[in-house]
C-alpha atoms as a PDB file:
ATOM      1  CA  MET A   1      -0.108  -0.044   0.077  1.00  0.00           C
ATOM      2  CA  ASP A   2       1.395   3.457  -1.098  1.00  0.00           C
ATOM      3  CA  ARG A   3       0.473   6.932  -0.366  1.00  0.00           C
ATOM      4  CA  GLY A   4       0.855   9.219  -3.385  1.00  0.00           C
ATOM      5  CA  GLU A   5       1.531  12.721  -2.144  1.00  0.00           C
ATOM      6  CA  THR A   6       0.297  14.500  -5.186  1.00  0.00           C
ATOM      7  CA  ALA A   7      -2.741  12.505  -6.449  1.00  0.00           C
ATOM      8  CA  GLY A   8      -4.179  11.224  -3.116  1.00  0.00           C
ATOM      9  CA  ALA A   9      -3.612   8.002  -1.264  1.00  0.00           C
ATOM     10  CA  ILE A  10      -3.263   4.574  -3.305  1.00  0.00           C
ATOM     11  CA  VAL A  11      -4.426   1.376  -1.976  1.00  0.00           C
ATOM     12  CA  ARG A  12      -2.639  -1.695  -3.491  1.00  0.00           C
ATOM     13  CA  VAL A  13      -3.873  -5.196  -2.478  1.00  0.00           C
ATOM     14  CA  ARG A  14      -2.518  -8.386  -3.816  1.00  0.00           C
ATOM     15  CA  ARG A  15      -3.771 -12.050  -3.700  1.00  0.00           C
ATOM     16  CA  ARG A  16      -3.076 -15.257  -5.429  1.00  0.00           C
ATOM     17  CA  VAL A  17      -6.407 -16.963  -6.247  1.00  0.00           C
ATOM     18  CA  LYS A  18      -6.864 -20.574  -7.131  1.00  0.00           C
ATOM     19  CA  ALA A  19      -8.609 -20.088 -10.368  1.00  0.00           C
ATOM     20  CA  GLY A  20      -7.802 -19.021 -13.929  1.00  0.00           C
ATOM     21  CA  ALA A  21      -7.928 -15.255 -14.998  1.00  0.00           C
ATOM     22  CA  GLU A  22     -10.943 -15.911 -17.197  1.00  0.00           C
ATOM     23  CA  GLU A  23     -13.074 -17.084 -14.193  1.00  0.00           C
ATOM     24  CA  ILE A  24     -11.857 -14.376 -12.099  1.00  0.00           C
ATOM     25  CA  PHE A  25     -12.529 -11.737 -14.815  1.00  0.00           C
ATOM     26  CA  ASP A  26     -16.107 -12.968 -15.015  1.00  0.00           C
ATOM     27  CA  LEU A  27     -16.538 -12.500 -11.183  1.00  0.00           C
ATOM     28  CA  TRP A  28     -15.566  -8.948 -11.676  1.00  0.00           C
ATOM     29  CA  THR A  29     -17.791  -8.303 -14.714  1.00  0.00           C
ATOM     30  CA  LYS A  30     -21.066 -10.480 -14.463  1.00  0.00           C
ATOM     31  CA  PRO A  31     -23.726  -9.024 -11.798  1.00  0.00           C
ATOM     32  CA  ASP A  32     -25.041 -12.539 -11.190  1.00  0.00           C
ATOM     33  CA  LEU A  33     -21.448 -13.506  -9.841  1.00  0.00           C
ATOM     34  CA  MET A  34     -20.657 -10.049  -8.368  1.00  0.00           C
ATOM     35  CA  VAL A  35     -23.466 -10.425  -6.111  1.00  0.00           C
ATOM     36  CA  ARG A  36     -21.912 -13.623  -4.682  1.00  0.00           C
ATOM     37  CA  TRP A  37     -18.787 -11.997  -3.207  1.00  0.00           C
ATOM     38  CA  MET A  38     -18.774  -8.198  -3.577  1.00  0.00           C
ATOM     39  CA  SER A  39     -18.881  -6.789  -0.044  1.00  0.00           C
ATOM     40  CA  PRO A  40     -16.630  -4.714   2.019  1.00  0.00           C
ATOM     41  CA  PHE A  41     -18.008  -6.263   5.230  1.00  0.00           C
ATOM     42  CA  PRO A  42     -16.878  -9.461   6.934  1.00  0.00           C
ATOM     43  CA  GLY A  43     -19.332 -12.184   7.196  1.00  0.00           C
ATOM     44  CA  ALA A  44     -22.352 -12.771   5.008  1.00  0.00           C
ATOM     45  CA  VAL A  45     -22.401 -11.078   1.524  1.00  0.00           C
ATOM     46  CA  ASP A  46     -25.448  -8.926   0.544  1.00  0.00           C
ATOM     47  CA  CYS A  47     -24.911  -7.237  -2.682  1.00  0.00           C
ATOM     48  CA  GLN A  48     -27.022  -6.004  -5.675  1.00  0.00           C
ATOM     49  CA  ALA A  49     -25.145  -5.170  -8.883  1.00  0.00           C
ATOM     50  CA  THR A  50     -25.590  -3.941 -12.287  1.00  0.00           C
ATOM     51  CA  CYS A  51     -23.121  -3.351 -15.018  1.00  0.00           C
ATOM     52  CA  ASP A  52     -22.935  -2.428 -18.616  1.00  0.00           C
ATOM     53  CA  LEU A  53     -19.415  -3.898 -19.509  1.00  0.00           C
ATOM     54  CA  ARG A  54     -18.120  -1.710 -22.173  1.00  0.00           C
ATOM     55  CA  PRO A  55     -15.665   1.314 -22.269  1.00  0.00           C
ATOM     56  CA  GLY A  56     -17.946   4.185 -20.790  1.00  0.00           C
ATOM     57  CA  GLY A  57     -20.514   1.683 -19.394  1.00  0.00           C
ATOM     58  CA  ALA A  58     -21.747   2.042 -16.000  1.00  0.00           C
ATOM     59  CA  PHE A  59     -21.962  -0.083 -13.018  1.00  0.00           C
ATOM     60  CA  SER A  60     -23.598   0.273  -9.445  1.00  0.00           C
ATOM     61  CA  LEU A  61     -23.252  -1.829  -6.289  1.00  0.00           C
ATOM     62  CA  VAL A  62     -25.411  -1.676  -3.136  1.00  0.00           C
ATOM     63  CA  MET A  63     -23.546  -3.579  -0.583  1.00  0.00           C
ATOM     64  CA  SER A  64     -25.090  -4.089   2.880  1.00  0.00           C
ATOM     65  CA  SER A  65     -24.508  -5.628   6.277  1.00  0.00           C
ATOM     66  CA  ALA A  66     -26.870  -5.722   9.528  1.00  0.00           C
ATOM     67  CA  GLU A  67     -25.084  -2.401  10.741  1.00  0.00           C
ATOM     68  CA  SER A  68     -24.395  -0.573   7.279  1.00  0.00           C
ATOM     69  CA  ARG A  69     -24.811   0.067   3.747  1.00  0.00           C
ATOM     70  CA  ARG A  70     -22.359   1.257   0.982  1.00  0.00           C
ATOM     71  CA  GLU A  71     -23.484   2.439  -2.458  1.00  0.00           C
ATOM     72  CA  VAL A  72     -20.948   2.714  -5.174  1.00  0.00           C
ATOM     73  CA  SER A  73     -21.072   3.494  -8.740  1.00  0.00           C
ATOM     74  CA  GLY A  74     -18.673   4.009 -11.697  1.00  0.00           C
ATOM     75  CA  ALA A  75     -17.869   3.564 -15.274  1.00  0.00           C
ATOM     76  CA  TYR A  76     -15.648   1.222 -16.927  1.00  0.00           C
ATOM     77  CA  VAL A  77     -12.382   2.921 -18.361  1.00  0.00           C
ATOM     78  CA  GLN A  78     -10.423  -0.015 -19.887  1.00  0.00           C
ATOM     79  CA  ILE A  79     -11.469  -3.574 -20.346  1.00  0.00           C
ATOM     80  CA  ASP A  80      -8.626  -6.016 -21.451  1.00  0.00           C
ATOM     81  CA  ARG A  81     -10.172  -9.661 -20.922  1.00  0.00           C
ATOM     82  CA  PRO A  82      -8.824 -11.604 -19.148  1.00  0.00           C
ATOM     83  CA  ARG A  83      -5.878  -9.407 -17.873  1.00  0.00           C
ATOM     84  CA  LYS A  84      -6.955  -6.085 -16.833  1.00  0.00           C
ATOM     85  CA  LEU A  85     -10.048  -4.082 -15.738  1.00  0.00           C
ATOM     86  CA  VAL A  86     -10.049  -0.337 -15.073  1.00  0.00           C
ATOM     87  CA  PHE A  87     -13.122   1.723 -13.721  1.00  0.00           C
ATOM     88  CA  THR A  88     -13.980   4.505 -11.835  1.00  0.00           C
ATOM     89  CA  TRP A  89     -15.251   4.371  -8.164  1.00  0.00           C
ATOM     90  CA  ILE A  90     -17.566   7.021  -6.532  1.00  0.00           C
ATOM     91  CA  GLY A  91     -19.711   7.244  -3.656  1.00  0.00           C
ATOM     92  CA  PRO A  92     -20.360   8.717  -0.129  1.00  0.00           C
ATOM     93  CA  LEU A  93     -17.321   7.092   1.225  1.00  0.00           C
ATOM     94  CA  THR A  94     -14.969   8.633  -1.501  1.00  0.00           C
ATOM     95  CA  ASN A  95     -16.558  12.009  -0.588  1.00  0.00           C
ATOM     96  CA  HIS A  96     -17.954  11.908  -4.005  1.00  0.00           C
ATOM     97  CA  VAL A  97     -14.716  12.160  -5.390  1.00  0.00           C
ATOM     98  CA  ASN A  98     -14.116  10.179  -8.681  1.00  0.00           C
ATOM     99  CA  THR A  99     -11.564   7.571  -7.828  1.00  0.00           C
ATOM    100  CA  LEU A 100      -9.840   5.076 -10.209  1.00  0.00           C
ATOM    101  CA  VAL A 101      -9.531   1.208  -9.555  1.00  0.00           C
ATOM    102  CA  THR A 102      -7.374  -1.132 -11.480  1.00  0.00           C
ATOM    103  CA  VAL A 103      -7.498  -5.001 -11.284  1.00  0.00           C
ATOM    104  CA  GLU A 104      -4.752  -6.815 -12.942  1.00  0.00           C
ATOM    105  CA  LEU A 105      -4.639 -10.476 -13.388  1.00  0.00           C
ATOM    106  CA  ASN A 106      -1.697 -12.516 -14.172  1.00  0.00           C
ATOM    107  CA  SER A 107      -2.225 -16.381 -14.825  1.00  0.00           C
ATOM    108  CA  GLN A 108       0.274 -18.571 -12.934  1.00  0.00           C
ATOM    109  CA  GLY A 109      -0.728 -22.095 -14.186  1.00  0.00           C
ATOM    110  CA  GLU A 110      -4.094 -23.020 -12.213  1.00  0.00           C
ATOM    111  CA  GLU A 111      -3.723 -20.056 -10.128  1.00  0.00           C
ATOM    112  CA  THR A 112      -3.615 -16.185 -10.764  1.00  0.00           C
ATOM    113  CA  ASP A 113      -2.105 -13.358  -9.124  1.00  0.00           C
ATOM    114  CA  LEU A 114      -4.650 -10.396  -8.644  1.00  0.00           C
ATOM    115  CA  VAL A 115      -3.247  -6.995  -7.928  1.00  0.00           C
ATOM    116  CA  LEU A 116      -5.851  -4.251  -7.132  1.00  0.00           C
ATOM    117  CA  THR A 117      -4.753  -0.484  -7.102  1.00  0.00           C
ATOM    118  CA  HIS A 118      -7.234   2.057  -5.841  1.00  0.00           C
ATOM    119  CA  GLU A 119      -5.991   5.588  -6.816  1.00  0.00           C
ATOM    120  CA  ARG A 120      -6.914   9.057  -5.887  1.00  0.00           C
ATOM    121  CA  LEU A 121      -8.340   8.543  -2.441  1.00  0.00           C
ATOM    122  CA  PRO A 122      -8.738  11.974  -0.942  1.00  0.00           C
ATOM    123  CA  THR A 123      -7.998  11.484   2.702  1.00  0.00           C
ATOM    124  CA  SER A 124      -6.196   9.244   5.172  1.00  0.00           C
ATOM    125  CA  ALA A 125      -9.473   8.108   6.647  1.00  0.00           C
ATOM    126  CA  ILE A 126     -10.820   7.015   3.167  1.00  0.00           C
ATOM    127  CA  PHE A 127      -7.429   5.394   2.376  1.00  0.00           C
ATOM    128  CA  GLU A 128      -7.715   3.372   5.653  1.00  0.00           C
ATOM    129  CA  GLY A 129     -11.401   2.464   5.165  1.00  0.00           C
ATOM    130  CA  HIS A 130     -10.736   1.352   1.633  1.00  0.00           C
ATOM    131  CA  THR A 131      -7.741  -0.559   2.575  1.00  0.00           C
ATOM    132  CA  LYS A 132      -9.933  -2.738   5.041  1.00  0.00           C
ATOM    133  CA  GLY A 133     -12.815  -2.963   2.508  1.00  0.00           C
ATOM    134  CA  TRP A 134     -10.846  -4.034  -0.302  1.00  0.00           C
ATOM    135  CA  GLY A 135      -9.223  -6.735   1.816  1.00  0.00           C
ATOM    136  CA  ASN A 136     -12.516  -8.140   2.791  1.00  0.00           C
ATOM    137  CA  ILE A 137     -13.753  -7.848  -0.847  1.00  0.00           C
ATOM    138  CA  LEU A 138     -10.750 -10.080  -1.901  1.00  0.00           C
ATOM    139  CA  ASP A 139     -11.328 -12.525   1.000  1.00  0.00           C
ATOM    140  CA  HIS A 140     -14.841 -12.916  -0.282  1.00  0.00           C
ATOM    141  CA  LEU A 141     -13.689 -13.477  -3.875  1.00  0.00           C
ATOM    142  CA  ALA A 142     -11.193 -16.084  -2.763  1.00  0.00           C
ATOM    143  CA  GLU A 143     -13.921 -17.839  -0.743  1.00  0.00           C
ATOM    144  CA  ALA A 144     -16.415 -17.696  -3.655  1.00  0.00           C
ATOM    145  CA  VAL A 145     -13.817 -19.444  -5.853  1.00  0.00           C
ATOM    146  CA  SER A 146     -13.175 -22.088  -3.326  1.00  0.00           C
ATOM    147  CA  LYS A 147     -16.758 -22.976  -3.296  1.00  0.00           C
ATOM    148  CA  GLY A 148     -16.788 -23.271  -7.001  1.00  0.00           C
ATOM    149  CA  PHE A 149     -18.861 -19.773  -7.371  1.00  0.00           C
END
């Protein structure tokens, strides 16, 4: 995890996932699969997702727990199946600042190295919250893969 001095804080999270890059790419881009793992909260996943997977296409997420709810939207900037997905990320927890997320997938045999980079986070508190949230989200993704999503 890095902190960029001029462009806001940068969260970088890495995971090795026991699935191919194509499968993981599908988890990020198909709403019926996104709802199974996309949640920044520990515990049960409760997510509603929509997406229009094309450059400039929009997505929206509503992620809930018993105590809280997170609404996020954005637009796809770059789609390079199955290696890279870049999208904007905006909502109340970014202070409605348009931030940028890059998901990079690098196949390693039957596993894939996933690197998520979230840039332009405007404050330290937002950096800390997103560091924790993305960690939980990627834990859920790995769990969904282990269950055969």
